[in-house]
Amino acid sequence: MQTVNRYHVPLAFSGELIEVRLPKDAVVLCVQLVNYVPYLWARGTPNTVGGRAEFTWSVDGNPVFPDAKYIGTVQYPTTYGSCHLFQLPQR
């Protein structure tokens, strides 16, 4: 049975790659802030090992990878402004 779980996504410079360990069959649903910390939610089968996904952040006006899938935007009220999370295709 699949469940929905949250996974921490560290902030990084725009365009820098981030790897997040997820279940093998995970489908990323959204990204949100929890106490100013970014998390993504994904649906997948718990305890299936070996899954991973690559993401990148972008801020307003910065370029993004052309084949990246938009996941969502988080708003920081003070320092960062809008940060947009993109998932890169599996390689």
C-alpha atoms as a PDB file:
ATOM      1  CA  MET A   1       0.000   0.000   0.000  1.00  0.00           C
ATOM      2  CA  GLN A   2       1.244   3.479  -0.808  1.00  0.00           C
ATOM      3  CA  THR A   3       1.414   6.345   1.667  1.00  0.00           C
ATOM      4  CA  VAL A   4       2.144  10.060   1.490  1.00  0.00           C
ATOM      5  CA  ASN A   5       5.244  11.189   3.378  1.00  0.00           C
ATOM      6  CA  ARG A   6       7.310  14.346   3.601  1.00  0.00           C
ATOM      7  CA  TYR A   7      11.010  14.676   2.819  1.00  0.00           C
ATOM      8  CA  HIS A   8      13.380  17.518   3.629  1.00  0.00           C
ATOM      9  CA  VAL A   9      14.683  19.451   0.621  1.00  0.00           C
ATOM     10  CA  PRO A  10      17.725  21.540   1.561  1.00  0.00           C
ATOM     11  CA  LEU A  11      18.005  25.025   0.137  1.00  0.00           C
ATOM     12  CA  ALA A  12      20.807  25.440  -2.383  1.00  0.00           C
ATOM     13  CA  PHE A  13      22.029  28.038  -4.829  1.00  0.00           C
ATOM     14  CA  SER A  14      19.915  28.453  -7.927  1.00  0.00           C
ATOM     15  CA  GLY A  15      20.817  25.723 -10.430  1.00  0.00           C
ATOM     16  CA  GLU A  16      22.696  23.558  -7.913  1.00  0.00           C
ATOM     17  CA  LEU A  17      21.612  19.898  -7.910  1.00  0.00           C
ATOM     18  CA  ILE A  18      20.035  18.340  -4.797  1.00  0.00           C
ATOM     19  CA  GLU A  19      19.542  14.607  -4.349  1.00  0.00           C
ATOM     20  CA  VAL A  20      16.675  13.375  -2.162  1.00  0.00           C
ATOM     21  CA  ARG A  21      16.182   9.714  -1.206  1.00  0.00           C
ATOM     22  CA  LEU A  22      12.613   8.609  -1.922  1.00  0.00           C
ATOM     23  CA  PRO A  23      10.818   5.279  -2.332  1.00  0.00           C
ATOM     24  CA  LYS A  24      11.508   3.699  -5.742  1.00  0.00           C
ATOM     25  CA  ASP A  25       7.952   4.297  -6.951  1.00  0.00           C
ATOM     26  CA  ALA A  26       7.606   7.785  -5.461  1.00  0.00           C
ATOM     27  CA  VAL A  27       5.532  10.443  -7.180  1.00  0.00           C
ATOM     28  CA  VAL A  28       6.304  13.963  -5.979  1.00  0.00           C
ATOM     29  CA  LEU A  29       3.141  15.873  -5.087  1.00  0.00           C
ATOM     30  CA  CYS A  30       4.112  19.326  -3.799  1.00  0.00           C
ATOM     31  CA  VAL A  31       6.574  21.449  -1.832  1.00  0.00           C
ATOM     32  CA  GLN A  32       5.791  23.632   1.201  1.00  0.00           C
ATOM     33  CA  LEU A  33       7.502  25.347   4.112  1.00  0.00           C
ATOM     34  CA  VAL A  34       7.158  23.963   7.635  1.00  0.00           C
ATOM     35  CA  ASN A  35       8.532  26.489  10.131  1.00  0.00           C
ATOM     36  CA  TYR A  36      10.601  28.048   7.308  1.00  0.00           C
ATOM     37  CA  VAL A  37      12.098  24.674   6.317  1.00  0.00           C
ATOM     38  CA  PRO A  38      11.269  23.334   2.824  1.00  0.00           C
ATOM     39  CA  TYR A  39       9.759  19.857   2.524  1.00  0.00           C
ATOM     40  CA  LEU A  40       8.316  17.967  -0.394  1.00  0.00           C
ATOM     41  CA  TRP A  41       5.495  15.460  -0.138  1.00  0.00           C
ATOM     42  CA  ALA A  42       5.584  12.297  -2.192  1.00  0.00           C
ATOM     43  CA  ARG A  43       3.328   9.270  -2.590  1.00  0.00           C
ATOM     44  CA  GLY A  44       5.046   5.887  -2.653  1.00  0.00           C
ATOM     45  CA  THR A  45       5.440   2.455  -1.123  1.00  0.00           C
ATOM     46  CA  PRO A  46       7.182   2.786   2.262  1.00  0.00           C
ATOM     47  CA  ASN A  47      10.441   0.949   2.934  1.00  0.00           C
ATOM     48  CA  THR A  48      11.308   0.440  -0.723  1.00  0.00           C
ATOM     49  CA  VAL A  49      14.982   1.282  -0.940  1.00  0.00           C
ATOM     50  CA  GLY A  50      17.081   2.589  -3.770  1.00  0.00           C
ATOM     51  CA  GLY A  51      14.877   5.409  -4.962  1.00  0.00           C
ATOM     52  CA  ARG A  52      16.303   8.862  -5.464  1.00  0.00           C
ATOM     53  CA  ALA A  53      15.367  12.023  -7.269  1.00  0.00           C
ATOM     54  CA  GLU A  54      17.293  15.122  -8.274  1.00  0.00           C
ATOM     55  CA  PHE A  55      15.932  18.610  -7.759  1.00  0.00           C
ATOM     56  CA  THR A  56      17.070  22.161  -8.220  1.00  0.00           C
ATOM     57  CA  TRP A  57      15.883  25.492  -6.847  1.00  0.00           C
ATOM     58  CA  SER A  58      15.489  28.628  -8.929  1.00  0.00           C
ATOM     59  CA  VAL A  59      14.613  32.154  -7.897  1.00  0.00           C
ATOM     60  CA  ASP A  60      12.713  34.735  -9.938  1.00  0.00           C
ATOM     61  CA  GLY A  61      14.521  35.681 -13.139  1.00  0.00           C
ATOM     62  CA  ASN A  62      17.085  32.852 -13.051  1.00  0.00           C
ATOM     63  CA  PRO A  63      17.323  30.192 -15.781  1.00  0.00           C
ATOM     64  CA  VAL A  64      15.981  26.664 -15.272  1.00  0.00           C
ATOM     65  CA  PHE A  65      16.883  23.358 -16.912  1.00  0.00           C
ATOM     66  CA  PRO A  66      14.671  22.957 -20.021  1.00  0.00           C
ATOM     67  CA  ASP A  67      13.617  19.383 -19.171  1.00  0.00           C
ATOM     68  CA  ALA A  68      12.917  20.049 -15.470  1.00  0.00           C
ATOM     69  CA  LYS A  69       9.410  19.514 -14.071  1.00  0.00           C
ATOM     70  CA  TYR A  70       7.970  22.326 -11.941  1.00  0.00           C
ATOM     71  CA  ILE A  71       6.996  21.095  -8.444  1.00  0.00           C
ATOM     72  CA  GLY A  72       6.019  24.304  -6.689  1.00  0.00           C
ATOM     73  CA  THR A  73       6.998  27.635  -5.164  1.00  0.00           C
ATOM     74  CA  VAL A  74       7.700  28.534  -1.554  1.00  0.00           C
ATOM     75  CA  GLN A  75       7.613  32.113  -0.295  1.00  0.00           C
ATOM     76  CA  TYR A  76      10.165  33.360   2.220  1.00  0.00           C
ATOM     77  CA  PRO A  77       8.868  36.572   3.787  1.00  0.00           C
ATOM     78  CA  THR A  78      12.272  38.092   4.469  1.00  0.00           C
ATOM     79  CA  THR A  79      15.490  36.990   2.832  1.00  0.00           C
ATOM     80  CA  TYR A  80      15.014  34.710  -0.175  1.00  0.00           C
ATOM     81  CA  GLY A  81      11.682  35.799  -1.665  1.00  0.00           C
ATOM     82  CA  SER A  82      10.193  33.241  -4.071  1.00  0.00           C
ATOM     83  CA  CYS A  83      12.019  29.935  -4.506  1.00  0.00           C
ATOM     84  CA  HIS A  84      10.801  27.537  -7.203  1.00  0.00           C
ATOM     85  CA  LEU A  85      11.515  23.799  -6.959  1.00  0.00           C
ATOM     86  CA  PHE A  86      12.061  21.716 -10.112  1.00  0.00           C
ATOM     87  CA  GLN A  87      12.545  17.960 -10.450  1.00  0.00           C
ATOM     88  CA  LEU A  88      15.075  16.743 -13.008  1.00  0.00           C
ATOM     89  CA  PRO A  89      14.332  13.672 -15.128  1.00  0.00           C
ATOM     90  CA  GLN A  90      15.878  10.323 -14.116  1.00  0.00           C
ATOM     91  CA  ARG A  91      19.234   9.622 -15.722  1.00  0.00           C
END
